């Protein structure tokens, strides 16, 4: 589940919560916890998710420098993997179920010709202006941030995460987990046979969107061996994860790179590990337009 995704929605942080999250914490709301304990509990909570319902608000920087905003209702199961997403701004609905529809997602675009389409969730249409695939919906991004890729030899970025205090976010007590990686930069990489944007991103732990953006590549593109790419040497210069102290799941994930805010995801109305009727992952569910 690694990863994250775009069509998101959430209740914004209050000015007080934002100040506390990015400043010092003068009034801790929970007993002290070590960085190692926090990372272990966070990882365990994400890995043990069976179902997830939530709303997510997303901000993602596009190649133009502008930010794409999304507010999304999300329903997920993880074994088997099933994903339902509704962009509450544009009215777009996405349903993907493992083993169905030849691996494609059903997508209702809420625009002409107002018919449901079958699209590759990792193809150029669904990935256009999207930092993450629909299949990465949930907390996969957080797992990637703190654990890194098995293909990556340099783990310096992952080792920068530290527990830095507590705060209140949207009325809920949260632990603050931060990463400071001032050496973030783009480096030259010479491709080898079999490389794709996703494979290159896994080697550097940087996320494939910026690999595609900087090098003008398409999703799943087979890159010729011997080509020189410009690739980030980590996921971000500064990262903040606000973790709900009861659920031990993130409420906010924010990433800053060399250009400023790269992406921000804010989760609300989180319901974890409560059964979701199988009917809600069917194309004919009456509440959907699919």
Foldseek 3Di string as FASTA:
>chain_A
DADAKDQFADDAWDPQQVCPQPDAPPDFDDDDDWFVRLVVLLVVLQVPFAKKWWWKWKWAQDLVRHTDIWIKTWIFGVVVTWIWIATPVQRKIWTAGPPPPVQWIWIQRSDPPRDTDTHHQQFQVNCPRMLDTRSNHDNNNVVCQQPAAPLEPDCVQNVQWTFRGWGATPNFIWTKIKGAAQVKDWDKDFFDFPDFLVNVCSHQSAGSPVQCSQVVHTGPDGDDGGDIGTGINHNARMWIFIAGPVSSYTQKIWGAHPVGTRMIMGIDPMDTPDDDPPLVNDPVNPVGSD
